[in-house]
mmCIF file of all heavy atoms, coordinates in Angstrom:
data_MODEL
# 
_entry.id   MODEL 
# 
loop_
_atom_site.group_PDB 
_atom_site.id 
_atom_site.type_symbol 
_atom_site.label_atom_id 
_atom_site.label_alt_id 
_atom_site.label_comp_id 
_atom_site.label_asym_id 
_atom_site.label_entity_id 
_atom_site.label_seq_id 
_atom_site.pdbx_PDB_ins_code 
_atom_site.Cartn_x 
_atom_site.Cartn_y 
_atom_site.Cartn_z 
_atom_site.occupancy 
_atom_site.B_iso_or_equiv 
_atom_site.pdbx_formal_charge 
_atom_site.auth_seq_id 
_atom_site.auth_comp_id 
_atom_site.auth_asym_id 
_atom_site.auth_atom_id 
_atom_site.pdbx_PDB_model_num 
ATOM 1   N N   . PRO A 1 1  ? -63.032 118.503 80.163 1.00 0.00 ? 1  PRO A N   1 
ATOM 2   C CA  . PRO A 1 1  ? -62.047 117.452 80.414 1.00 0.00 ? 1  PRO A CA  1 
ATOM 3   C C   . PRO A 1 1  ? -62.231 116.802 81.786 1.00 0.00 ? 1  PRO A C   1 
ATOM 4   O O   . PRO A 1 1  ? -62.007 115.600 81.929 1.00 0.00 ? 1  PRO A O   1 
ATOM 5   C CB  . PRO A 1 1  ? -60.708 118.181 80.311 1.00 0.00 ? 1  PRO A CB  1 
ATOM 6   C CG  . PRO A 1 1  ? -60.987 119.317 79.377 1.00 0.00 ? 1  PRO A CG  1 
ATOM 7   C CD  . PRO A 1 1  ? -62.400 119.743 79.700 1.00 0.00 ? 1  PRO A CD  1 
ATOM 8   N N   . ALA A 1 2  ? -62.673 117.565 82.764 1.00 0.00 ? 2  ALA A N   1 
ATOM 9   C CA  . ALA A 1 2  ? -62.909 117.003 84.101 1.00 0.00 ? 2  ALA A CA  1 
ATOM 10  C C   . ALA A 1 2  ? -64.021 115.953 84.053 1.00 0.00 ? 2  ALA A C   1 
ATOM 11  O O   . ALA A 1 2  ? -63.956 114.932 84.751 1.00 0.00 ? 2  ALA A O   1 
ATOM 12  C CB  . ALA A 1 2  ? -63.272 118.106 85.090 1.00 0.00 ? 2  ALA A CB  1 
ATOM 13  N N   . ASN A 1 3  ? -65.030 116.176 83.210 1.00 0.00 ? 3  ASN A N   1 
ATOM 14  C CA  . ASN A 1 3  ? -66.115 115.194 83.072 1.00 0.00 ? 3  ASN A CA  1 
ATOM 15  C C   . ASN A 1 3  ? -65.601 113.919 82.424 1.00 0.00 ? 3  ASN A C   1 
ATOM 16  O O   . ASN A 1 3  ? -65.988 112.813 82.821 1.00 0.00 ? 3  ASN A O   1 
ATOM 17  C CB  . ASN A 1 3  ? -67.259 115.767 82.243 1.00 0.00 ? 3  ASN A CB  1 
ATOM 18  C CG  . ASN A 1 3  ? -67.961 116.913 82.928 1.00 0.00 ? 3  ASN A CG  1 
ATOM 19  O OD1 . ASN A 1 3  ? -67.562 117.344 83.998 1.00 0.00 ? 3  ASN A OD1 1 
ATOM 20  N ND2 . ASN A 1 3  ? -68.988 117.437 82.298 1.00 0.00 ? 3  ASN A ND2 1 
ATOM 21  N N   . VAL A 1 4  ? -64.732 114.056 81.413 1.00 0.00 ? 4  VAL A N   1 
ATOM 22  C CA  . VAL A 1 4  ? -64.161 112.883 80.751 1.00 0.00 ? 4  VAL A CA  1 
ATOM 23  C C   . VAL A 1 4  ? -63.307 112.103 81.750 1.00 0.00 ? 4  VAL A C   1 
ATOM 24  O O   . VAL A 1 4  ? -63.344 110.872 81.786 1.00 0.00 ? 4  VAL A O   1 
ATOM 25  C CB  . VAL A 1 4  ? -63.351 113.294 79.502 1.00 0.00 ? 4  VAL A CB  1 
ATOM 26  C CG1 . VAL A 1 4  ? -62.682 112.084 78.858 1.00 0.00 ? 4  VAL A CG1 1 
ATOM 27  C CG2 . VAL A 1 4  ? -64.244 114.002 78.488 1.00 0.00 ? 4  VAL A CG2 1 
ATOM 28  N N   . SER A 1 5  ? -62.553 112.820 82.582 1.00 0.00 ? 5  SER A N   1 
ATOM 29  C CA  . SER A 1 5  ? -61.738 112.154 83.608 1.00 0.00 ? 5  SER A CA  1 
ATOM 30  C C   . SER A 1 5  ? -62.621 111.384 84.583 1.00 0.00 ? 5  SER A C   1 
ATOM 31  O O   . SER A 1 5  ? -62.266 110.266 85.002 1.00 0.00 ? 5  SER A O   1 
ATOM 32  C CB  . SER A 1 5  ? -60.899 113.171 84.380 1.00 0.00 ? 5  SER A CB  1 
ATOM 33  O OG  . SER A 1 5  ? -59.891 113.697 83.557 1.00 0.00 ? 5  SER A OG  1 
ATOM 34  N N   . LYS A 1 6  ? -63.769 111.943 84.939 1.00 0.00 ? 6  LYS A N   1 
ATOM 35  C CA  . LYS A 1 6  ? -64.690 111.247 85.847 1.00 0.00 ? 6  LYS A CA  1 
ATOM 36  C C   . LYS A 1 6  ? -65.225 109.969 85.213 1.00 0.00 ? 6  LYS A C   1 
ATOM 37  O O   . LYS A 1 6  ? -65.375 108.948 85.888 1.00 0.00 ? 6  LYS A O   1 
ATOM 38  C CB  . LYS A 1 6  ? -65.848 112.163 86.247 1.00 0.00 ? 6  LYS A CB  1 
ATOM 39  C CG  . LYS A 1 6  ? -65.456 113.234 87.235 1.00 0.00 ? 6  LYS A CG  1 
ATOM 40  C CD  . LYS A 1 6  ? -66.636 114.118 87.578 1.00 0.00 ? 6  LYS A CD  1 
ATOM 41  C CE  . LYS A 1 6  ? -66.185 115.260 88.487 1.00 0.00 ? 6  LYS A CE  1 
ATOM 42  N NZ  . LYS A 1 6  ? -67.289 116.189 88.759 1.00 0.00 ? 6  LYS A NZ  1 
ATOM 43  N N   . ILE A 1 7  ? -65.501 110.019 83.909 1.00 0.00 ? 7  ILE A N   1 
ATOM 44  C CA  . ILE A 1 7  ? -65.971 108.821 83.211 1.00 0.00 ? 7  ILE A CA  1 
ATOM 45  C C   . ILE A 1 7  ? -64.879 107.751 83.242 1.00 0.00 ? 7  ILE A C   1 
ATOM 46  O O   . ILE A 1 7  ? -65.138 106.585 83.545 1.00 0.00 ? 7  ILE A O   1 
ATOM 47  C CB  . ILE A 1 7  ? -66.384 109.160 81.762 1.00 0.00 ? 7  ILE A CB  1 
ATOM 48  C CG1 . ILE A 1 7  ? -67.622 110.059 81.756 1.00 0.00 ? 7  ILE A CG1 1 
ATOM 49  C CG2 . ILE A 1 7  ? -66.625 107.884 80.950 1.00 0.00 ? 7  ILE A CG2 1 
ATOM 50  C CD1 . ILE A 1 7  ? -67.943 110.686 80.411 1.00 0.00 ? 7  ILE A CD1 1 
ATOM 51  N N   . ALA A 1 8  ? -63.640 108.154 82.945 1.00 0.00 ? 8  ALA A N   1 
ATOM 52  C CA  . ALA A 1 8  ? -62.518 107.206 82.960 1.00 0.00 ? 8  ALA A CA  1 
ATOM 53  C C   . ALA A 1 8  ? -62.338 106.620 84.363 1.00 0.00 ? 8  ALA A C   1 
ATOM 54  O O   . ALA A 1 8  ? -62.116 105.411 84.513 1.00 0.00 ? 8  ALA A O   1 
ATOM 55  C CB  . ALA A 1 8  ? -61.235 107.888 82.486 1.00 0.00 ? 8  ALA A CB  1 
ATOM 56  N N   . ASP A 1 9  ? -62.435 107.465 85.379 1.00 0.00 ? 9  ASP A N   1 
ATOM 57  C CA  . ASP A 1 9  ? -62.317 106.978 86.761 1.00 0.00 ? 9  ASP A CA  1 
ATOM 58  C C   . ASP A 1 9  ? -63.421 105.976 87.086 1.00 0.00 ? 9  ASP A C   1 
ATOM 59  O O   . ASP A 1 9  ? -63.175 104.955 87.736 1.00 0.00 ? 9  ASP A O   1 
ATOM 60  C CB  . ASP A 1 9  ? -62.373 108.141 87.762 1.00 0.00 ? 9  ASP A CB  1 
ATOM 61  C CG  . ASP A 1 9  ? -61.159 109.043 87.686 1.00 0.00 ? 9  ASP A CG  1 
ATOM 62  O OD1 . ASP A 1 9  ? -60.126 108.641 87.101 1.00 0.00 ? 9  ASP A OD1 1 
ATOM 63  O OD2 . ASP A 1 9  ? -61.243 110.179 88.224 1.00 0.00 ? 9  ASP A OD2 1 
ATOM 64  N N   . ASN A 1 10 ? -64.636 106.266 86.623 1.00 0.00 ? 10 ASN A N   1 
ATOM 65  C CA  . ASN A 1 10 ? -65.771 105.380 86.871 1.00 0.00 ? 10 ASN A CA  1 
ATOM 66  C C   . ASN A 1 10 ? -65.542 104.032 86.189 1.00 0.00 ? 10 ASN A C   1 
ATOM 67  O O   . ASN A 1 10 ? -65.780 102.977 86.796 1.00 0.00 ? 10 ASN A O   1 
ATOM 68  C CB  . ASN A 1 10 ? -67.066 106.029 86.375 1.00 0.00 ? 10 ASN A CB  1 
ATOM 69  C CG  . ASN A 1 10 ? -68.299 105.270 86.801 1.00 0.00 ? 10 ASN A CG  1 
ATOM 70  O OD1 . ASN A 1 10 ? -68.230 104.193 87.354 1.00 0.00 ? 10 ASN A OD1 1 
ATOM 71  N ND2 . ASN A 1 10 ? -69.450 105.841 86.518 1.00 0.00 ? 10 ASN A ND2 1 
ATOM 72  N N   . TRP A 1 11 ? -65.082 104.039 84.945 1.00 0.00 ? 11 TRP A N   1 
ATOM 73  C CA  . TRP A 1 11 ? -64.817 102.782 84.239 1.00 0.00 ? 11 TRP A CA  1 
ATOM 74  C C   . TRP A 1 11 ? -63.750 101.969 84.980 1.00 0.00 ? 11 TRP A C   1 
ATOM 75  O O   . TRP A 1 11 ? -63.861 100.762 85.104 1.00 0.00 ? 11 TRP A O   1 
ATOM 76  C CB  . TRP A 1 11 ? -64.374 103.042 82.805 1.00 0.00 ? 11 TRP A CB  1 
ATOM 77  C CG  . TRP A 1 11 ? -65.504 103.453 81.892 1.00 0.00 ? 11 TRP A CG  1 
ATOM 78  C CD1 . TRP A 1 11 ? -66.837 103.443 82.160 1.00 0.00 ? 11 TRP A CD1 1 
ATOM 79  C CD2 . TRP A 1 11 ? -65.371 103.938 80.560 1.00 0.00 ? 11 TRP A CD2 1 
ATOM 80  N NE1 . TRP A 1 11 ? -67.546 103.895 81.068 1.00 0.00 ? 11 TRP A NE1 1 
ATOM 81  C CE2 . TRP A 1 11 ? -66.671 104.208 80.074 1.00 0.00 ? 11 TRP A CE2 1 
ATOM 82  C CE3 . TRP A 1 11 ? -64.300 104.193 79.727 1.00 0.00 ? 11 TRP A CE3 1 
ATOM 83  C CZ2 . TRP A 1 11 ? -66.907 104.689 78.798 1.00 0.00 ? 11 TRP A CZ2 1 
ATOM 84  C CZ3 . TRP A 1 11 ? -64.537 104.677 78.449 1.00 0.00 ? 11 TRP A CZ3 1 
ATOM 85  C CH2 . TRP A 1 11 ? -65.825 104.917 77.988 1.00 0.00 ? 11 TRP A CH2 1 
ATOM 86  N N   . ARG A 1 12 ? -62.707 102.658 85.462 1.00 0.00 ? 12 ARG A N   1 
ATOM 87  C CA  . ARG A 1 12 ? -61.645 101.945 86.187 1.00 0.00 ? 12 ARG A CA  1 
ATOM 88  C C   . ARG A 1 12 ? -62.209 101.349 87.483 1.00 0.00 ? 12 ARG A C   1 
ATOM 89  O O   . ARG A 1 12 ? -61.951 100.186 87.805 1.00 0.00 ? 12 ARG A O   1 
ATOM 90  C CB  . ARG A 1 12 ? -60.476 102.872 86.506 1.00 0.00 ? 12 ARG A CB  1 
ATOM 91  C CG  . ARG A 1 12 ? -59.420 102.182 87.373 1.00 0.00 ? 12 ARG A CG  1 
ATOM 92  C CD  . ARG A 1 12 ? -58.112 102.894 87.372 1.00 0.00 ? 12 ARG A CD  1 
ATOM 93  N NE  . ARG A 1 12 ? -57.499 102.941 86.071 1.00 0.00 ? 12 ARG A NE  1 
ATOM 94  C CZ  . ARG A 1 12 ? -56.948 101.896 85.437 1.00 0.00 ? 12 ARG A CZ  1 
ATOM 95  N NH1 . ARG A 1 12 ? -56.960 100.710 86.001 1.00 0.00 ? 12 ARG A NH1 1 
ATOM 96  N NH2 . ARG A 1 12 ? -56.401 102.030 84.266 1.00 0.00 ? 12 ARG A NH2 1 
ATOM 97  N N   . THR A 1 13 ? -62.992 102.123 88.224 1.00 0.00 ? 13 THR A N   1 
ATOM 98  C CA  . THR A 1 13 ? -63.590 101.634 89.466 1.00 0.00 ? 13 THR A CA  1 
ATOM 99  C C   . THR A 1 13 ? -64.480 100.423 89.196 1.00 0.00 ? 13 THR A C   1 
ATOM 100 O O   . THR A 1 13 ? -64.401 99.413  89.907 1.00 0.00 ? 13 THR A O   1 
ATOM 101 C CB  . THR A 1 13 ? -64.408 102.751 90.147 1.00 0.00 ? 13 THR A CB  1 
ATOM 102 O OG1 . THR A 1 13 ? -63.530 103.832 90.456 1.00 0.00 ? 13 THR A OG1 1 
ATOM 103 C CG2 . THR A 1 13 ? -65.095 102.269 91.406 1.00 0.00 ? 13 THR A CG2 1 
ATOM 104 N N   . GLN A 1 14 ? -65.315 100.524 88.162 1.00 0.00 ? 14 GLN A N   1 
ATOM 105 C CA  . GLN A 1 14 ? -66.208 99.412  87.834 1.00 0.00 ? 14 GLN A CA  1 
ATOM 106 C C   . GLN A 1 14 ? -65.410 98.192  87.382 1.00 0.00 ? 14 GLN A C   1 
ATOM 107 O O   . GLN A 1 14 ? -65.749 97.055  87.726 1.00 0.00 ? 14 GLN A O   1 
ATOM 108 C CB  . GLN A 1 14 ? -67.223 99.822  86.762 1.00 0.00 ? 14 GLN A CB  1 
ATOM 109 C CG  . GLN A 1 14 ? -68.170 100.919 87.202 1.00 0.00 ? 14 GLN A CG  1 
ATOM 110 C CD  . GLN A 1 14 ? -68.897 100.601 88.487 1.00 0.00 ? 14 GLN A CD  1 
ATOM 111 O OE1 . GLN A 1 14 ? -69.379 99.505  88.694 1.00 0.00 ? 14 GLN A OE1 1 
ATOM 112 N NE2 . GLN A 1 14 ? -68.966 101.578 89.387 1.00 0.00 ? 14 GLN A NE2 1 
ATOM 113 N N   . GLY A 1 15 ? -64.342 98.416  86.624 1.00 0.00 ? 15 GLY A N   1 
ATOM 114 C CA  . GLY A 1 15 ? -63.485 97.312  86.205 1.00 0.00 ? 15 GLY A CA  1 
ATOM 115 C C   . GLY A 1 15 ? -62.859 96.610  87.394 1.00 0.00 ? 15 GLY A C   1 
ATOM 116 O O   . GLY A 1 15 ? -62.813 95.376  87.461 1.00 0.00 ? 15 GLY A O   1 
ATOM 117 N N   . ASN A 1 16 ? -62.390 97.391  88.351 1.00 0.00 ? 16 ASN A N   1 
ATOM 118 C CA  . ASN A 1 16 ? -61.791 96.806  89.556 1.00 0.00 ? 16 ASN A CA  1 
ATOM 119 C C   . ASN A 1 16 ? -62.838 96.042  90.378 1.00 0.00 ? 16 ASN A C   1 
ATOM 120 O O   . ASN A 1 16 ? -62.553 94.977  90.933 1.00 0.00 ? 16 ASN A O   1 
ATOM 121 C CB  . ASN A 1 16 ? -61.124 97.879  90.412 1.00 0.00 ? 16 ASN A CB  1 
ATOM 122 C CG  . ASN A 1 16 ? -59.895 98.455  89.742 1.00 0.00 ? 16 ASN A CG  1 
ATOM 123 O OD1 . ASN A 1 16 ? -59.283 97.831  88.876 1.00 0.00 ? 16 ASN A OD1 1 
ATOM 124 N ND2 . ASN A 1 16 ? -59.531 99.660  90.127 1.00 0.00 ? 16 ASN A ND2 1 
ATOM 125 N N   . THR A 1 17 ? -64.050 96.578  90.440 1.00 0.00 ? 17 THR A N   1 
ATOM 126 C CA  . THR A 1 17 ? -65.128 95.918  91.187 1.00 0.00 ? 17 THR A CA  1 
ATOM 127 C C   . THR A 1 17 ? -65.490 94.589  90.532 1.00 0.00 ? 17 THR A C   1 
ATOM 128 O O   . THR A 1 17 ? -65.606 93.553  91.208 1.00 0.00 ? 17 THR A O   1 
ATOM 129 C CB  . THR A 1 17 ? -66.371 96.830  91.258 1.00 0.00 ? 17 THR A CB  1 
ATOM 130 O OG1 . THR A 1 17 ? -66.012 98.041  91.931 1.00 0.00 ? 17 THR A OG1 1 
ATOM 131 C CG2 . THR A 1 17 ? -67.519 96.162  91.982 1.00 0.00 ? 17 THR A CG2 1 
ATOM 132 N N   . VAL A 1 18 ? -65.654 94.610  89.220 1.00 0.00 ? 18 VAL A N   1 
ATOM 133 C CA  . VAL A 1 18 ? -65.999 93.377  88.501 1.00 0.00 ? 18 VAL A CA  1 
ATOM 134 C C   . VAL A 1 18 ? -64.864 92.362  88.620 1.00 0.00 ? 18 VAL A C   1 
ATOM 135 O O   . VAL A 1 18 ? -65.096 91.173  88.841 1.00 0.00 ? 18 VAL A O   1 
ATOM 136 C CB  . VAL A 1 18 ? -66.322 93.678  87.023 1.00 0.00 ? 18 VAL A CB  1 
ATOM 137 C CG1 . VAL A 1 18 ? -66.419 92.405  86.193 1.00 0.00 ? 18 VAL A CG1 1 
ATOM 138 C CG2 . VAL A 1 18 ? -67.610 94.472  86.910 1.00 0.00 ? 18 VAL A CG2 1 
ATOM 139 N N   . GLY A 1 19 ? -63.625 92.831  88.506 1.00 0.00 ? 19 GLY A N   1 
ATOM 140 C CA  . GLY A 1 19 ? -62.476 91.939  88.595 1.00 0.00 ? 19 GLY A CA  1 
ATOM 141 C C   . GLY A 1 19 ? -62.302 91.313  89.969 1.00 0.00 ? 19 GLY A C   1 
ATOM 142 O O   . GLY A 1 19 ? -61.664 90.270  90.102 1.00 0.00 ? 19 GLY A O   1 
ATOM 143 N N   . ALA A 1 20 ? -62.858 91.944  90.987 1.00 0.00 ? 20 ALA A N   1 
ATOM 144 C CA  . ALA A 1 20 ? -62.712 91.432  92.353 1.00 0.00 ? 20 ALA A CA  1 
ATOM 145 C C   . ALA A 1 20 ? -63.803 90.428  92.738 1.00 0.00 ? 20 ALA A C   1 
ATOM 146 O O   . ALA A 1 20 ? -63.759 89.870  93.836 1.00 0.00 ? 20 ALA A O   1 
ATOM 147 C CB  . ALA A 1 20 ? -62.721 92.595  93.345 1.00 0.00 ? 20 ALA A CB  1 
ATOM 148 N N   . LEU A 1 21 ? -64.767 90.194  91.847 1.00 0.00 ? 21 LEU A N   1 
ATOM 149 C CA  . LEU A 1 21 ? -65.819 89.222  92.173 1.00 0.00 ? 21 LEU A CA  1 
ATOM 150 C C   . LEU A 1 21 ? -65.200 87.851  92.378 1.00 0.00 ? 21 LEU A C   1 
ATOM 151 O O   . LEU A 1 21 ? -64.321 87.431  91.629 1.00 0.00 ? 21 LEU A O   1 
ATOM 152 C CB  . LEU A 1 21 ? -66.871 89.180  91.061 1.00 0.00 ? 21 LEU A CB  1 
ATOM 153 C CG  . LEU A 1 21 ? -67.704 90.452  90.888 1.00 0.00 ? 21 LEU A CG  1 
ATOM 154 C CD1 . LEU A 1 21 ? -68.600 90.332  89.663 1.00 0.00 ? 21 LEU A CD1 1 
ATOM 155 C CD2 . LEU A 1 21 ? -68.530 90.738  92.131 1.00 0.00 ? 21 LEU A CD2 1 
ATOM 156 N N   . ASP A 1 22 ? -65.665 87.166  93.405 1.00 0.00 ? 22 ASP A N   1 
ATOM 157 C CA  . ASP A 1 22 ? -65.090 85.863  93.772 1.00 0.00 ? 22 ASP A CA  1 
ATOM 158 C C   . ASP A 1 22 ? -66.169 84.792  93.689 1.00 0.00 ? 22 ASP A C   1 
ATOM 159 O O   . ASP A 1 22 ? -67.223 84.902  94.323 1.00 0.00 ? 22 ASP A O   1 
ATOM 160 C CB  . ASP A 1 22 ? -64.532 85.939  95.198 1.00 0.00 ? 22 ASP A CB  1 
ATOM 161 C CG  . ASP A 1 22 ? -63.883 84.649  95.653 1.00 0.00 ? 22 ASP A CG  1 
ATOM 162 O OD1 . ASP A 1 22 ? -63.560 83.800  94.796 1.00 0.00 ? 22 ASP A OD1 1 
ATOM 163 O OD2 . ASP A 1 22 ? -63.692 84.502  96.874 1.00 0.00 ? 22 ASP A OD2 1 
ATOM 164 N N   . PHE A 1 23 ? -65.900 83.783  92.896 1.00 0.00 ? 23 PHE A N   1 
ATOM 165 C CA  . PHE A 1 23 ? -66.860 82.689  92.716 1.00 0.00 ? 23 PHE A CA  1 
ATOM 166 C C   . PHE A 1 23 ? -66.383 81.395  93.364 1.00 0.00 ? 23 PHE A C   1 
ATOM 167 O O   . PHE A 1 23 ? -66.976 80.343  93.159 1.00 0.00 ? 23 PHE A O   1 
ATOM 168 C CB  . PHE A 1 23 ? -67.101 82.462  91.213 1.00 0.00 ? 23 PHE A CB  1 
ATOM 169 C CG  . PHE A 1 23 ? -67.661 83.671  90.526 1.00 0.00 ? 23 PHE A CG  1 
ATOM 170 C CD1 . PHE A 1 23 ? -66.829 84.562  89.867 1.00 0.00 ? 23 PHE A CD1 1 
ATOM 171 C CD2 . PHE A 1 23 ? -69.014 83.935  90.546 1.00 0.00 ? 23 PHE A CD2 1 
ATOM 172 C CE1 . PHE A 1 23 ? -67.340 85.682  89.233 1.00 0.00 ? 23 PHE A CE1 1 
ATOM 173 C CE2 . PHE A 1 23 ? -69.537 85.047  89.925 1.00 0.00 ? 23 PHE A CE2 1 
ATOM 174 C CZ  . PHE A 1 23 ? -68.695 85.932  89.261 1.00 0.00 ? 23 PHE A CZ  1 
ATOM 175 N N   . SER A 1 24 ? -65.322 81.463  94.159 1.00 0.00 ? 24 SER A N   1 
ATOM 176 C CA  . SER A 1 24 ? -64.741 80.243  94.725 1.00 0.00 ? 24 SER A CA  1 
ATOM 177 C C   . SER A 1 24 ? -65.696 79.522  95.674 1.00 0.00 ? 24 SER A C   1 
ATOM 178 O O   . SER A 1 24 ? -65.633 78.298  95.800 1.00 0.00 ? 24 SER A O   1 
ATOM 179 C CB  . SER A 1 24 ? -63.429 80.554  95.442 1.00 0.00 ? 24 SER A CB  1 
ATOM 180 O OG  . SER A 1 24 ? -63.645 81.442  96.524 1.00 0.00 ? 24 SER A OG  1 
ATOM 181 N N   . ALA A 1 25 ? -66.591 80.235  96.310 1.00 0.00 ? 25 ALA A N   1 
ATOM 182 C CA  . ALA A 1 25 ? -67.527 79.586  97.235 1.00 0.00 ? 25 ALA A CA  1 
ATOM 183 C C   . ALA A 1 25 ? -68.471 78.643  96.501 1.00 0.00 ? 25 ALA A C   1 
ATOM 184 O O   . ALA A 1 25 ? -68.987 77.692  97.103 1.00 0.00 ? 25 ALA A O   1 
ATOM 185 C CB  . ALA A 1 25 ? -68.325 80.633  97.994 1.00 0.00 ? 25 ALA A CB  1 
ATOM 186 N N   . ASN A 1 26 ? -68.670 78.874  95.211 1.00 0.00 ? 26 ASN A N   1 
ATOM 187 C CA  . ASN A 1 26 ? -69.575 77.996  94.459 1.00 0.00 ? 26 ASN A CA  1 
ATOM 188 C C   . ASN A 1 26 ? -69.061 76.561  94.410 1.00 0.00 ? 26 ASN A C   1 
ATOM 189 O O   . ASN A 1 26 ? -69.858 75.626  94.326 1.00 0.00 ? 26 ASN A O   1 
ATOM 190 C CB  . ASN A 1 26 ? -69.762 78.518  93.039 1.00 0.00 ? 26 ASN A CB  1 
ATOM 191 C CG  . ASN A 1 26 ? -70.584 79.767  92.995 1.00 0.00 ? 26 ASN A CG  1 
ATOM 192 O OD1 . ASN A 1 26 ? -70.681 80.489  93.976 1.00 0.00 ? 26 ASN A OD1 1 
ATOM 193 N ND2 . ASN A 1 26 ? -71.179 80.060  91.864 1.00 0.00 ? 26 ASN A ND2 1 
ATOM 194 N N   . THR A 1 27 ? -67.754 76.374  94.442 1.00 0.00 ? 27 THR A N   1 
ATOM 195 C CA  . THR A 1 27 ? -67.204 75.014  94.352 1.00 0.00 ? 27 THR A CA  1 
ATOM 196 C C   . THR A 1 27 ? -67.540 74.188  95.588 1.00 0.00 ? 27 THR A C   1 
ATOM 197 O O   . THR A 1 27 ? -67.483 72.967  95.541 1.00 0.00 ? 27 THR A O   1 
ATOM 198 C CB  . THR A 1 27 ? -65.675 75.058  94.157 1.00 0.00 ? 27 THR A CB  1 
ATOM 199 O OG1 . THR A 1 27 ? -65.076 75.729  95.264 1.00 0.00 ? 27 THR A OG1 1 
ATOM 200 C CG2 . THR A 1 27 ? -65.303 75.772  92.869 1.00 0.00 ? 27 THR A CG2 1 
ATOM 201 N N   . ALA A 1 28 ? -67.900 74.827  96.673 1.00 0.00 ? 28 ALA A N   1 
ATOM 202 C CA  . ALA A 1 28 ? -68.216 74.122  97.917 1.00 0.00 ? 28 ALA A CA  1 
ATOM 203 C C   . ALA A 1 28 ? -69.708 73.883  98.103 1.00 0.00 ? 28 ALA A C   1 
ATOM 204 O O   . ALA A 1 28 ? -70.132 73.406  99.151 1.00 0.00 ? 28 ALA A O   1 
ATOM 205 C CB  . ALA A 1 28 ? -67.670 74.913  99.104 1.00 0.00 ? 28 ALA A CB  1 
# 
């Protein structure tokens, strides 16, 4: 179960990282 929790934590971390990508500089 600890390994499954690590996978879930990794998915959440990666989701947060992807969600934080900022493309606003491209408009300039």
